[in-house]
Amino acid sequence: MALDFKHASIVEGVRFTAQVAVPNVVQGLFRRREAVVSAVDKIPADGLGFRFVEGLVAKYGPDPFWVRVGSEETLLVTHPDDIRIVLGGSPDPFAPDPEAKRKGMSAFQPTALSISRGDLWRDRRAFADAVLHPGSPLHPLAASFAAIAAEEADALLATDGPLRFDALNAAFQRLTRRVVLGAAAADDTGLTEQLGELMAAGNKMPGRPAPGYDAFHERLASYVADPDPDALTGLVAAAPATDDTDVPGQLIHWLFAMGDTLPTNLFRALALLATHPDALDRVRAELGDEPATVETIAGASYLAGCVLEAMRLWPTTSLFGRVQAAEHRWVNGQKTPEGTQLLIPNLFNHRNSARIPYADRFAPEEWSEGTAGDDWSFNFFSHGPQGCPGAALSIFLGQAVLGRLLATATPTLEAGPRLSGDADLPYGFDVYSSAIGWLTS
């Protein structure tokens, strides 16, 4: 006999919309609005939203349960076994393109892998896998990328004053252009500005390419047509592609994931290391005397754990959305129809102390020596067939930059949230109002 999932009340749905969904939207789903992010952090909305979801899960979980988000009945998924069903069943029957995501991303990457289905998804995934090499221990161009990372890190250390997020982000945008497009794109800040404008248009969820998209796409295509052998464009010609792949369109996701999301996580990782001296000592011991070599970078599993912990503690995507492309029968016997909306609340799942003993502390060792990498509760890179094909490359670049920075300077948190190994870490971290200083030897 099928058992219906439990339903949160109408009032709880209104509160979920107001406390969880709306703050996520107003901060900017695709391009963050700095002033709004800082204002929301001061409330603090992340902590209030976490506590509210925690109460809902205690009342209606651990199975999925229905909550009204706006006008839509949505299935909230919090248990790792159910997350495995959803993400393990993507893109079919759990498709990655719920309406809000599809409408927003259509503004700046209408042919993106992450909003594709069926044969289109398989076509574009095969291309991404061939260029990004997610199954390889080391990317074929790792040596070139490590050298680029060292150069950009050195340039950051040469600047005066504390490190602000804007400076780190600009350095990573330059690094990203060099890694993805090649040396000729290093100073093409106009390309990055174009992408930022298109992503800002995506916040309004227009459902179609934003004005300027065609010119941006043409600009990207010019780099693909003249590939750099030391960049990802140099691997494009050998990758499987069809007329439907839209090769320049696939590079867009790599540009914003490496050039916006990754520096956010690295800034937070630096802040954690600045306030956890034992972890910093262990990172330095792991890096030894040759922190810039490919072998050292790739083998720095504890340093990688520091980056992954920043992503766990403060996920840049706090809500994962899926939509059913077909009817699905759950283990309790209930069928949910095609079109059912699902949400995976990453912030709650990542910090759920009922399941995660280290939920509110900085624990890189859980990645380097523990089982955190196998836990389906943690989904900043997703899991299953739609796990991010660029995850390993992103972490490698993060390790390369951090390793170079930490080899010659000690970070200090000069402005920002209170972070300590003696107290629970906060649920939010506003990078825009924070600053990291350097003590050099």
Protein backbone atom coordinates (compact mmCIF):
# COMPACT_ATOMS: atom_id res chain seq x y z
CA MET A 1 0.00 0.00 0.00
CA ALA A 2 1.42 3.35 -1.04
CA LEU A 3 1.89 5.87 1.72
CA ASP A 4 1.65 9.55 0.89
CA PHE A 5 4.58 11.69 1.91
CA LYS A 6 3.85 14.09 4.74
CA HIS A 7 2.83 17.68 3.99
CA ALA A 8 4.10 20.80 5.70
CA SER A 9 1.32 23.25 6.50
CA ILE A 10 0.40 26.24 4.36
CA VAL A 11 1.88 28.57 6.97
CA GLU A 12 5.11 26.56 6.98
CA GLY A 13 5.19 26.81 3.20
CA VAL A 14 4.89 30.59 3.42
CA ARG A 15 7.70 30.66 5.96
CA PHE A 16 9.89 28.37 3.85
CA THR A 17 9.36 30.64 0.85
CA ALA A 18 10.15 33.76 2.88
CA GLN A 19 13.05 32.43 4.96
CA VAL A 20 14.76 30.03 2.54
CA ALA A 21 13.72 30.55 -1.07
CA VAL A 22 13.38 34.34 -1.26
CA PRO A 23 16.78 35.17 0.34
CA ASN A 24 18.39 32.78 -2.13
CA VAL A 25 16.72 34.55 -5.07
CA VAL A 26 17.24 38.16 -4.01
CA GLN A 27 20.98 37.62 -3.50
CA GLY A 28 21.21 36.66 -7.17
CA LEU A 29 20.92 33.07 -8.35
CA PHE A 30 23.57 33.46 -11.04
CA ARG A 31 25.40 36.71 -10.30
CA ARG A 32 25.58 37.78 -6.70
CA ARG A 33 24.34 41.23 -5.71
CA GLU A 34 27.02 42.32 -3.25
CA ALA A 35 24.96 44.78 -1.23
CA VAL A 36 22.10 42.30 -0.86
CA VAL A 37 24.46 39.47 0.12
CA SER A 38 25.97 41.63 2.87
CA ALA A 39 22.55 42.73 4.11
CA VAL A 40 21.22 39.17 4.19
CA ASP A 41 24.34 38.03 6.05
CA LYS A 42 23.74 40.60 8.79
CA ILE A 43 20.20 39.34 9.54
CA PRO A 44 21.59 36.47 9.56
CA ALA A 45 19.31 34.78 7.03
CA ASP A 46 21.39 31.64 6.55
CA GLY A 47 21.20 30.72 10.22
CA LEU A 48 17.49 31.46 10.45
CA GLY A 49 16.80 29.43 7.31
CA PHE A 50 18.86 26.53 8.59
CA ARG A 51 17.01 26.41 11.91
CA PHE A 52 13.66 26.53 10.18
CA VAL A 53 14.49 23.65 7.83
CA GLU A 54 15.93 21.74 10.78
CA GLY A 55 12.56 22.06 12.53
CA LEU A 56 10.66 20.93 9.44
CA VAL A 57 12.87 17.86 9.04
CA ALA A 58 12.44 16.96 12.72
CA LYS A 59 8.67 17.23 12.29
CA TYR A 60 8.14 15.65 8.86
CA GLY A 61 11.34 13.80 7.95
CA PRO A 62 13.50 11.89 7.45
CA ASP A 63 11.60 10.82 4.32
CA PRO A 64 10.98 13.42 1.61
CA PHE A 65 8.03 15.67 2.44
CA TRP A 66 5.94 18.24 0.64
CA VAL A 67 6.34 21.95 1.23
CA ARG A 68 4.74 24.72 -0.78
CA VAL A 69 7.40 26.99 -2.30
CA GLY A 70 5.62 30.01 -3.70
CA SER A 71 2.66 28.47 -5.48
CA GLU A 72 4.35 25.13 -6.20
CA GLU A 73 4.08 21.96 -4.12
CA THR A 74 7.69 20.80 -3.87
CA LEU A 75 9.26 17.64 -2.48
CA LEU A 76 12.05 18.46 -0.02
CA VAL A 77 14.76 15.78 0.01
CA THR A 78 17.18 15.61 2.96
CA HIS A 79 18.11 11.98 3.66
CA PRO A 80 21.26 10.72 1.87
CA ASP A 81 19.47 7.57 0.72
CA ASP A 82 16.80 9.65 -1.02
CA ILE A 83 19.40 12.09 -2.38
CA ARG A 84 21.13 9.07 -3.92
CA ILE A 85 17.86 8.13 -5.65
CA VAL A 86 17.39 11.64 -7.04
CA LEU A 87 20.94 12.45 -8.09
CA GLY A 88 21.69 8.88 -9.08
CA GLY A 89 18.60 9.07 -11.29
CA SER A 90 19.61 12.24 -13.10
CA PRO A 91 19.03 13.32 -15.78
CA ASP A 92 16.26 10.74 -16.19
CA PRO A 93 13.81 10.62 -14.49
CA PHE A 94 15.11 13.49 -12.32
CA ALA A 95 15.97 16.19 -14.83
CA PRO A 96 18.35 19.06 -13.98
CA ASP A 97 16.29 21.85 -15.54
CA PRO A 98 13.48 23.03 -13.24
CA GLU A 99 11.81 26.10 -14.69
CA ALA A 100 13.60 28.79 -12.67
CA LYS A 101 17.04 27.33 -13.40
CA ARG A 102 16.30 26.85 -17.10
CA LYS A 103 14.88 30.36 -17.48
CA GLY A 104 17.84 31.91 -15.70
CA MET A 105 20.61 29.96 -17.36
CA SER A 106 19.07 30.48 -20.80
CA ALA A 107 20.17 34.11 -20.53
CA PHE A 108 23.89 33.30 -20.58
CA GLN A 109 24.29 29.63 -21.52
CA PRO A 110 21.16 28.37 -23.27
CA THR A 111 22.91 25.18 -24.48
CA ALA A 112 24.47 24.30 -21.12
CA LEU A 113 25.09 20.68 -20.18
CA SER A 114 23.49 21.33 -16.79
CA ILE A 115 20.08 22.12 -18.33
CA SER A 116 20.18 19.45 -21.06
CA ARG A 117 18.20 16.23 -21.27
CA GLY A 118 18.29 12.96 -23.18
CA ASP A 119 20.57 12.66 -26.21
CA LEU A 120 21.57 16.31 -25.92
CA TRP A 121 22.83 15.70 -22.39
CA ARG A 122 24.77 12.58 -23.45
CA ASP A 123 26.29 14.44 -26.40
CA ARG A 124 27.43 17.40 -24.29
CA ARG A 125 28.59 15.26 -21.38
CA ALA A 126 30.81 13.20 -23.70
CA PHE A 127 32.40 16.42 -24.93
CA ALA A 128 32.95 17.75 -21.40
CA ASP A 129 34.45 14.46 -20.21
CA ALA A 130 36.88 14.37 -23.14
CA VAL A 131 38.21 17.86 -22.41
CA LEU A 132 38.06 17.94 -18.59
CA HIS A 133 39.15 14.32 -17.93
CA PRO A 134 37.12 13.77 -14.74
CA GLY A 135 38.20 10.13 -14.44
CA SER A 136 41.94 10.80 -14.71
CA PRO A 137 44.23 11.06 -11.67
CA LEU A 138 45.74 14.17 -13.24
CA HIS A 139 44.61 16.38 -16.11
CA PRO A 140 46.92 16.10 -19.18
CA LEU A 141 47.64 19.84 -18.97
CA ALA A 142 48.22 19.87 -15.21
CA ALA A 143 51.83 21.08 -15.49
CA SER A 144 50.82 24.09 -17.61
CA PHE A 145 47.95 24.90 -15.26
CA ALA A 146 50.16 24.66 -12.17
CA ALA A 147 52.60 27.14 -13.71
CA ILE A 148 49.75 29.55 -14.50
CA ALA A 149 48.42 29.23 -10.94
CA ALA A 150 51.85 30.02 -9.49
CA GLU A 151 52.19 33.14 -11.64
CA GLU A 152 48.78 34.48 -10.66
CA ALA A 153 49.36 33.71 -6.96
CA ASP A 154 52.69 35.53 -7.05
CA ALA A 155 51.00 38.56 -8.60
CA LEU A 156 48.47 38.58 -5.76
CA LEU A 157 51.19 38.49 -3.11
CA ALA A 158 52.99 41.40 -4.80
CA THR A 159 50.06 43.77 -4.20
CA ASP A 160 49.93 46.07 -1.18
CA GLY A 161 47.37 45.87 1.61
CA PRO A 162 45.00 43.11 2.70
CA LEU A 163 43.47 40.71 0.22
CA ARG A 164 39.88 41.53 -0.65
CA PHE A 165 37.58 39.21 -2.53
CA ASP A 166 37.45 41.43 -5.60
CA ALA A 167 41.22 41.11 -6.04
CA LEU A 168 41.19 37.34 -5.62
CA ASN A 169 38.26 37.05 -8.00
CA ALA A 170 39.98 39.21 -10.63
CA ALA A 171 43.12 37.06 -10.38
CA PHE A 172 41.06 33.92 -10.80
CA GLN A 173 39.17 35.37 -13.74
CA ARG A 174 42.52 35.93 -15.43
CA LEU A 175 43.72 32.43 -14.46
CA THR A 176 40.47 30.97 -15.76
CA ARG A 177 40.74 32.73 -19.11
CA ARG A 178 44.28 31.38 -19.49
CA VAL A 179 43.30 27.84 -18.47
CA VAL A 180 40.15 27.62 -20.58
CA LEU A 181 40.93 29.82 -23.58
CA GLY A 182 44.68 30.32 -23.59
CA ALA A 183 47.36 32.99 -23.24
CA ALA A 184 45.71 35.25 -25.82
CA ALA A 185 42.71 35.66 -23.48
CA ALA A 186 44.73 36.55 -20.37
CA ASP A 187 43.94 40.26 -20.55
CA ASP A 188 40.52 39.95 -22.19
CA THR A 189 38.66 41.43 -19.23
CA GLY A 190 35.92 42.53 -21.63
CA LEU A 191 34.95 38.90 -22.14
CA THR A 192 34.57 38.43 -18.38
CA GLU A 193 32.55 41.64 -18.13
CA GLN A 194 30.25 40.45 -20.91
CA LEU A 195 29.64 37.19 -19.06
CA GLY A 196 28.94 39.06 -15.83
CA GLU A 197 26.33 41.23 -17.55
CA LEU A 198 24.66 38.17 -19.06
CA MET A 199 24.63 36.39 -15.69
CA ALA A 200 23.08 39.47 -14.09
CA ALA A 201 20.37 39.29 -16.75
CA GLY A 202 19.91 35.63 -15.80
CA ASN A 203 18.90 36.70 -12.27
CA LYS A 204 15.66 37.96 -13.83
CA MET A 205 15.00 34.52 -15.37
CA PRO A 206 14.06 35.73 -18.87
CA GLY A 207 13.83 32.25 -20.42
CA ARG A 208 15.81 33.28 -23.52
CA PRO A 209 19.32 34.51 -24.40
CA ALA A 210 19.91 37.98 -23.02
CA PRO A 211 20.85 40.90 -25.31
CA GLY A 212 24.54 40.61 -26.10
CA TYR A 213 24.65 36.81 -25.92
CA ASP A 214 25.29 36.34 -29.64
CA ALA A 215 28.27 38.73 -29.56
CA PHE A 216 29.63 36.99 -26.46
CA HIS A 217 29.24 33.57 -28.11
CA GLU A 218 31.01 34.82 -31.23
CA ARG A 219 33.88 36.13 -29.11
CA LEU A 220 34.24 32.74 -27.43
CA ALA A 221 34.07 30.97 -30.78
CA SER A 222 37.07 32.98 -31.99
CA TYR A 223 39.20 31.45 -29.21
CA VAL A 224 37.93 27.96 -30.05
CA ALA A 225 38.84 28.53 -33.70
CA ASP A 226 42.41 29.49 -32.72
CA PRO A 227 43.15 27.00 -29.91
CA ASP A 228 46.02 27.25 -27.46
CA PRO A 229 47.79 23.88 -26.98
CA ASP A 230 48.39 24.73 -23.30
CA ALA A 231 44.71 25.48 -22.61
CA LEU A 232 41.47 23.52 -22.68
CA THR A 233 40.75 24.86 -26.17
CA GLY A 234 43.75 22.81 -27.30
CA LEU A 235 41.84 19.62 -26.45
CA VAL A 236 38.60 20.58 -28.18
CA ALA A 237 39.47 19.31 -31.66
CA ALA A 238 39.98 15.75 -30.39
CA ALA A 239 36.79 15.73 -28.29
CA PRO A 240 33.58 14.18 -29.66
CA ALA A 241 31.15 16.86 -30.80
CA THR A 242 28.14 17.22 -33.08
CA ASP A 243 26.32 20.21 -34.48
CA ASP A 244 24.14 20.09 -31.35
CA THR A 245 27.05 20.20 -28.91
CA ASP A 246 27.66 23.95 -29.37
CA VAL A 247 31.30 23.84 -28.32
CA PRO A 248 31.68 27.55 -27.43
CA GLY A 249 28.48 27.29 -25.41
CA GLN A 250 29.95 24.49 -23.28
CA LEU A 251 32.95 26.61 -22.29
CA ILE A 252 30.70 29.20 -20.63
CA HIS A 253 30.00 27.01 -17.61
CA TRP A 254 33.71 26.42 -17.06
CA LEU A 255 34.40 30.15 -17.21
CA PHE A 256 31.98 31.11 -14.46
CA ALA A 257 32.47 28.01 -12.30
CA MET A 258 36.25 28.44 -12.18
CA GLY A 259 36.20 32.24 -12.29
CA ASP A 260 33.45 33.11 -9.77
CA THR A 261 32.54 30.12 -7.66
CA LEU A 262 36.04 28.74 -7.05
CA PRO A 263 37.56 32.00 -5.74
CA THR A 264 34.65 32.35 -3.31
CA ASN A 265 35.51 28.95 -1.88
CA LEU A 266 39.24 29.70 -1.81
CA PHE A 267 38.74 33.00 0.01
CA ARG A 268 36.78 31.14 2.67
CA ALA A 269 39.40 28.38 2.84
CA LEU A 270 42.08 31.02 3.43
CA ALA A 271 40.00 32.53 6.23
CA LEU A 272 39.61 29.11 7.84
CA LEU A 273 43.34 28.44 7.64
CA ALA A 274 44.03 31.91 9.07
CA THR A 275 41.98 31.05 12.15
CA HIS A 276 42.96 27.38 12.53
CA PRO A 277 46.75 27.38 13.02
CA ASP A 278 47.02 23.61 13.51
CA ALA A 279 45.43 23.06 10.09
CA LEU A 280 47.75 25.62 8.53
CA ASP A 281 50.79 23.87 10.04
CA ARG A 282 49.61 20.56 8.63
CA VAL A 283 49.11 22.08 5.16
CA ARG A 284 52.63 23.45 5.17
CA ALA A 285 54.07 20.14 6.33
CA GLU A 286 52.21 18.41 3.51
CA LEU A 287 53.52 20.86 0.89
CA GLY A 288 57.12 20.61 2.07
CA ASP A 289 59.87 22.48 0.26
CA GLU A 290 58.45 22.17 -3.28
CA PRO A 291 54.85 23.38 -3.10
CA ALA A 292 54.60 24.29 -6.79
CA THR A 293 55.37 20.91 -8.38
CA VAL A 294 52.51 19.01 -9.98
CA GLU A 295 53.23 15.96 -7.85
CA THR A 296 53.12 17.95 -4.62
CA ILE A 297 49.93 19.78 -5.58
CA ALA A 298 48.12 16.64 -6.69
CA GLY A 299 49.22 14.75 -3.57
CA ALA A 300 48.16 17.47 -1.12
CA SER A 301 44.99 15.68 -0.01
CA TYR A 302 44.72 17.60 3.26
CA LEU A 303 44.96 20.92 1.42
CA ALA A 304 42.25 19.69 -0.95
CA GLY A 305 40.21 18.84 2.15
CA CYS A 306 40.52 22.47 3.28
CA VAL A 307 38.93 23.65 0.03
CA LEU A 308 36.24 20.98 0.18
CA GLU A 309 35.45 21.92 3.78
CA ALA A 310 34.90 25.55 2.78
CA MET A 311 32.47 24.29 0.15
CA ARG A 312 30.71 22.05 2.66
CA LEU A 313 30.42 24.69 5.36
CA TRP A 314 29.19 27.45 3.05
CA PRO A 315 27.79 25.96 -0.19
CA THR A 316 27.58 28.54 -2.96
CA THR A 317 24.47 26.75 -4.24
CA SER A 318 22.30 26.44 -1.14
CA LEU A 319 19.37 24.76 -2.92
CA PHE A 320 19.65 22.06 -5.60
CA GLY A 321 16.60 21.80 -7.85
CA ARG A 322 15.37 18.87 -9.93
CA VAL A 323 12.16 18.20 -11.84
CA GLN A 324 10.73 14.81 -12.75
CA ALA A 325 10.83 14.09 -16.46
CA ALA A 326 8.71 10.99 -15.84
CA GLU A 327 6.59 9.36 -13.15
CA HIS A 328 8.57 7.81 -10.30
CA ARG A 329 7.62 5.26 -7.64
CA TRP A 330 9.43 5.72 -4.33
CA VAL A 331 10.39 3.00 -1.86
CA ASN A 332 7.28 3.72 0.22
CA GLY A 333 5.15 2.88 -2.84
CA GLN A 334 4.04 6.42 -3.60
CA LYS A 335 4.13 7.58 -7.19
CA THR A 336 5.01 11.17 -7.96
CA PRO A 337 4.05 12.37 -11.43
CA GLU A 338 6.01 13.93 -14.26
CA GLY A 339 6.60 17.60 -13.50
CA THR A 340 7.08 17.11 -9.75
CA GLN A 341 9.50 19.71 -8.39
CA LEU A 342 12.21 18.60 -5.92
CA LEU A 343 14.60 20.59 -3.76
CA ILE A 344 17.75 19.39 -1.99
CA PRO A 345 18.64 21.96 0.73
CA ASN A 346 22.42 21.82 0.62
CA LEU A 347 23.09 24.13 3.56
CA PHE A 348 20.93 22.05 5.89
CA ASN A 349 22.22 18.72 4.60
CA HIS A 350 25.85 19.84 4.88
CA ARG A 351 25.44 21.07 8.45
CA ASN A 352 22.94 18.55 9.85
CA SER A 353 24.48 17.69 13.22
CA ALA A 354 22.06 14.79 13.66
CA ARG A 355 23.97 12.99 10.90
CA ILE A 356 27.34 14.72 10.74
CA PRO A 357 29.45 14.74 13.95
CA TYR A 358 31.72 17.51 12.60
CA ALA A 359 28.86 19.54 11.11
CA ASP A 360 29.84 22.92 12.55
CA ARG A 361 33.62 22.70 12.70
CA PHE A 362 36.47 22.79 10.19
CA ALA A 363 37.42 19.16 9.53
CA PRO A 364 39.66 18.74 6.42
CA GLU A 365 40.78 15.35 7.69
CA GLU A 366 37.31 13.99 7.00
CA TRP A 367 38.14 14.37 3.29
CA SER A 368 41.80 13.35 3.33
CA GLU A 369 41.41 10.37 5.67
CA GLY A 370 37.69 9.95 6.32
CA THR A 371 34.61 9.12 4.28
CA ALA A 372 33.24 12.60 3.54
CA GLY A 373 33.91 12.15 -0.18
CA ASP A 374 31.46 9.23 -0.27
CA ASP A 375 28.68 11.01 1.63
CA TRP A 376 25.68 11.87 -0.54
CA SER A 377 24.74 14.58 1.96
CA PHE A 378 27.44 16.82 0.43
CA ASN A 379 26.49 18.06 -3.00
CA PHE A 380 28.45 21.15 -3.95
CA PHE A 381 29.73 19.14 -6.96
CA SER A 382 26.55 17.03 -7.16
CA HIS A 383 26.79 13.25 -7.34
CA GLY A 384 25.87 10.48 -9.72
CA PRO A 385 25.80 10.74 -13.52
CA GLN A 386 25.58 14.53 -13.33
CA GLY A 387 28.47 14.99 -10.95
CA CYS A 388 30.52 17.99 -12.05
CA PRO A 389 33.01 16.89 -14.75
CA GLY A 390 35.33 19.76 -13.80
CA ALA A 391 35.43 19.01 -10.06
CA ALA A 392 38.91 17.48 -9.98
CA LEU A 393 40.38 20.23 -12.15
CA SER A 394 38.80 22.94 -9.98
CA ILE A 395 40.23 21.47 -6.81
CA PHE A 396 43.65 21.08 -8.44
CA LEU A 397 43.66 24.76 -9.41
CA GLY A 398 42.58 25.68 -5.88
CA GLN A 399 45.36 23.58 -4.38
CA ALA A 400 47.91 25.14 -6.76
CA VAL A 401 46.98 28.71 -5.87
CA LEU A 402 46.66 28.13 -2.13
CA GLY A 403 49.88 26.14 -2.01
CA ARG A 404 51.79 28.96 -3.66
CA LEU A 405 50.27 31.62 -1.40
CA LEU A 406 50.89 29.68 1.81
CA ALA A 407 54.47 28.81 0.89
CA THR A 408 55.70 32.35 1.57
CA ALA A 409 52.98 34.10 3.58
CA THR A 410 50.74 33.47 6.58
CA PRO A 411 47.10 34.55 6.24
CA THR A 412 45.36 36.56 8.96
CA LEU A 413 41.65 37.33 9.04
CA GLU A 414 41.49 41.12 9.34
CA ALA A 415 37.77 41.57 8.71
CA GLY A 416 34.89 39.16 8.46
CA PRO A 417 32.98 36.64 10.57
CA ARG A 418 34.29 35.22 13.81
CA LEU A 419 35.89 31.88 12.97
CA SER A 420 37.38 29.70 15.67
CA GLY A 421 38.17 26.10 16.38
CA ASP A 422 36.62 26.58 19.81
CA ALA A 423 33.11 27.53 18.68
CA ASP A 424 30.57 26.46 16.08
CA LEU A 425 31.24 28.11 12.75
CA PRO A 426 28.54 30.47 11.43
CA TYR A 427 26.10 29.38 8.73
CA GLY A 428 26.96 32.33 6.48
CA PHE A 429 30.20 33.94 5.33
CA ASP A 430 30.01 37.20 3.40
CA VAL A 431 33.20 37.38 1.33
CA TYR A 432 32.48 40.95 0.20
CA SER A 433 32.91 42.49 3.66
CA SER A 434 35.91 40.36 4.65
CA ALA A 435 39.65 40.90 4.29
CA ILE A 436 42.72 38.69 4.64
CA GLY A 437 46.10 40.08 5.64
CA TRP A 438 49.50 38.52 5.10
CA LEU A 439 52.47 38.02 7.41
CA THR A 440 55.54 37.35 5.30
CA SER A 441 58.73 35.69 6.49
